[in-house]
């Protein structure tokens, strides 16, 4: 019976480590011109969604804005209490969403990094808080 308890405890502890996580940016941080979401699924896959605004026309009444969106898939795991990840696509391909936008300077930052507590993901340096809902 003891081996079963040990296996069960191991399974429960691993499950909590690899629990599903959802990170979102807020308009307070992005000014409402960008939106970042990151979903880490329990099967080890991730989905990063980036939305940015592009000024398409500037006239006497102001600027007209158009949204650009990009969805990036990848994989993740936890190693030594740190989240490691890989993304499908090169950094320059992912960065291309910011080409010809007012937010081009964001590409100097890494695409993803995480706080030591794993409660915040930084997407292009923008803090995104973990939330319980998708």
Protein backbone atom coordinates (compact mmCIF):
# COMPACT_ATOMS: atom_id res chain seq x y z
CA UNK A 1 0.00 0.00 0.00
CA UNK A 2 2.88 2.41 0.72
CA UNK A 3 4.14 2.41 -2.91
CA UNK A 4 0.66 3.40 -4.05
CA UNK A 5 0.62 6.34 -1.61
CA UNK A 6 4.07 7.47 -2.80
CA UNK A 7 3.03 7.25 -6.44
CA UNK A 8 -0.18 9.15 -5.71
CA UNK A 9 1.70 11.89 -3.82
CA UNK A 10 4.20 12.16 -6.67
CA UNK A 11 1.40 12.46 -9.23
CA UNK A 12 -0.39 15.13 -7.19
CA UNK A 13 2.79 17.17 -6.69
CA UNK A 14 3.67 16.98 -10.40
CA UNK A 15 0.15 17.90 -11.39
CA UNK A 16 0.26 21.03 -9.23
CA UNK A 17 3.63 22.03 -10.69
CA UNK A 18 2.34 21.64 -14.24
CA UNK A 19 -1.04 23.17 -13.56
CA UNK A 20 -2.68 25.25 -16.25
CA UNK A 21 -1.72 28.92 -16.17
CA UNK A 22 -3.19 31.95 -17.91
CA UNK A 23 -1.49 35.34 -18.09
CA UNK A 24 -3.06 38.58 -19.32
CA UNK A 25 -1.90 42.15 -19.81
CA UNK A 26 -4.04 45.05 -18.65
CA UNK A 27 -4.94 48.31 -20.36
CA UNK A 28 -3.31 50.11 -17.42
CA UNK A 29 0.06 48.72 -18.52
CA UNK A 30 -0.40 48.77 -22.31
CA UNK A 31 -2.48 51.92 -22.67
CA UNK A 32 -5.08 49.86 -24.52
CA UNK A 33 -2.97 49.79 -27.68
CA UNK A 34 -1.62 46.27 -27.12
CA UNK A 35 -3.04 43.09 -25.67
CA UNK A 36 -0.98 40.09 -24.61
CA UNK A 37 -2.27 36.70 -23.42
CA UNK A 38 -0.36 33.55 -22.66
CA UNK A 39 -1.99 30.20 -21.95
CA UNK A 40 0.12 27.35 -20.56
CA UNK A 41 -1.81 24.09 -20.84
CA UNK A 42 -1.29 21.00 -18.67
CA UNK A 43 -0.30 18.94 -21.73
CA UNK A 44 2.85 21.08 -22.06
CA UNK A 45 1.62 23.24 -24.94
CA UNK A 46 1.36 27.01 -24.91
CA UNK A 47 -0.47 29.63 -26.91
CA UNK A 48 0.75 33.22 -27.01
CA UNK A 49 -1.57 35.82 -28.51
CA UNK A 50 -0.38 39.31 -29.36
CA UNK A 51 -2.58 42.14 -30.54
CA UNK A 52 -1.19 45.56 -31.41
CA UNK A 53 -2.59 48.73 -32.92
CA UNK A 54 -1.31 50.45 -36.03
CA UNK A 55 -2.11 54.05 -36.93
CA UNK A 56 -3.40 53.73 -40.50
CA UNK A 57 -4.47 57.29 -41.19
CA UNK A 58 -3.85 60.58 -39.46
CA UNK A 59 -6.05 63.53 -40.34
CA UNK A 60 -7.54 66.62 -38.72
CA UNK A 61 -9.98 64.48 -36.68
CA UNK A 62 -7.22 62.29 -35.25
CA UNK A 63 -5.76 58.89 -35.95
CA UNK A 64 -7.52 55.82 -37.26
CA UNK A 65 -6.25 52.60 -35.72
CA UNK A 66 -6.23 49.08 -37.07
CA UNK A 67 -5.56 45.94 -35.00
CA UNK A 68 -2.89 43.41 -35.98
CA UNK A 69 -2.98 39.98 -34.33
CA UNK A 70 -0.57 37.10 -34.09
CA UNK A 71 -1.00 33.66 -32.50
CA UNK A 72 2.13 31.69 -31.62
CA UNK A 73 2.16 28.10 -30.41
CA UNK A 74 4.88 26.32 -28.50
CA UNK A 75 5.74 24.06 -25.59
CA UNK A 76 6.63 24.60 -21.96
CA UNK A 77 7.72 22.75 -18.83
CA UNK A 78 9.07 23.52 -15.39
CA UNK A 79 12.70 22.72 -14.67
CA UNK A 80 14.40 23.66 -11.41
CA UNK A 81 11.32 25.71 -10.44
CA UNK A 82 11.64 27.83 -13.61
CA UNK A 83 9.41 27.82 -16.66
CA UNK A 84 11.25 26.86 -19.82
CA UNK A 85 9.61 27.23 -23.21
CA UNK A 86 10.09 26.92 -26.94
CA UNK A 87 8.08 28.73 -29.58
CA UNK A 88 7.26 27.69 -33.13
CA UNK A 89 8.77 30.33 -35.37
CA UNK A 90 11.84 32.52 -35.15
CA UNK A 91 12.01 35.60 -32.93
CA UNK A 92 12.26 37.84 -35.99
CA UNK A 93 9.11 36.28 -37.44
CA UNK A 94 7.24 36.80 -34.18
CA UNK A 95 8.67 40.33 -33.80
CA UNK A 96 7.29 41.22 -37.24
CA UNK A 97 3.91 42.07 -35.69
CA UNK A 98 5.53 45.27 -34.37
CA UNK A 99 7.15 46.31 -37.68
CA UNK A 100 5.71 49.61 -38.90
CA UNK A 101 4.02 50.30 -35.55
CA UNK A 102 4.62 52.80 -32.77
CA UNK A 103 5.68 49.86 -30.58
CA UNK A 104 8.68 48.66 -32.61
CA UNK A 105 11.00 49.29 -29.62
CA UNK A 106 9.38 46.33 -27.81
CA UNK A 107 11.36 43.86 -29.93
CA UNK A 108 14.55 44.69 -28.01
CA UNK A 109 13.05 42.66 -25.13
CA UNK A 110 12.87 38.87 -24.93
CA UNK A 111 9.53 37.50 -26.10
CA UNK A 112 8.86 35.74 -22.76
CA UNK A 113 10.32 35.79 -19.29
CA UNK A 114 8.82 34.89 -15.93
CA UNK A 115 8.98 36.18 -12.37
CA UNK A 116 10.66 33.99 -9.76
CA UNK A 117 7.25 33.38 -8.17
CA UNK A 118 5.83 32.38 -11.61
CA UNK A 119 2.82 34.64 -10.99
CA UNK A 120 3.84 37.11 -13.69
CA UNK A 121 4.89 36.52 -17.28
CA UNK A 122 6.68 39.32 -19.10
CA UNK A 123 5.75 39.41 -22.76
CA UNK A 124 8.12 41.76 -24.55
CA UNK A 125 8.84 43.25 -21.12
CA UNK A 126 5.15 43.97 -20.44
CA UNK A 127 4.01 42.45 -17.12
CA UNK A 128 1.08 40.04 -17.51
CA UNK A 129 -0.52 38.75 -14.32
CA UNK A 130 -1.65 35.19 -13.83
CA UNK A 131 -5.41 34.77 -13.71
CA UNK A 132 -7.58 31.77 -12.93
CA UNK A 133 -9.76 32.11 -15.97
CA UNK A 134 -8.91 31.99 -19.63
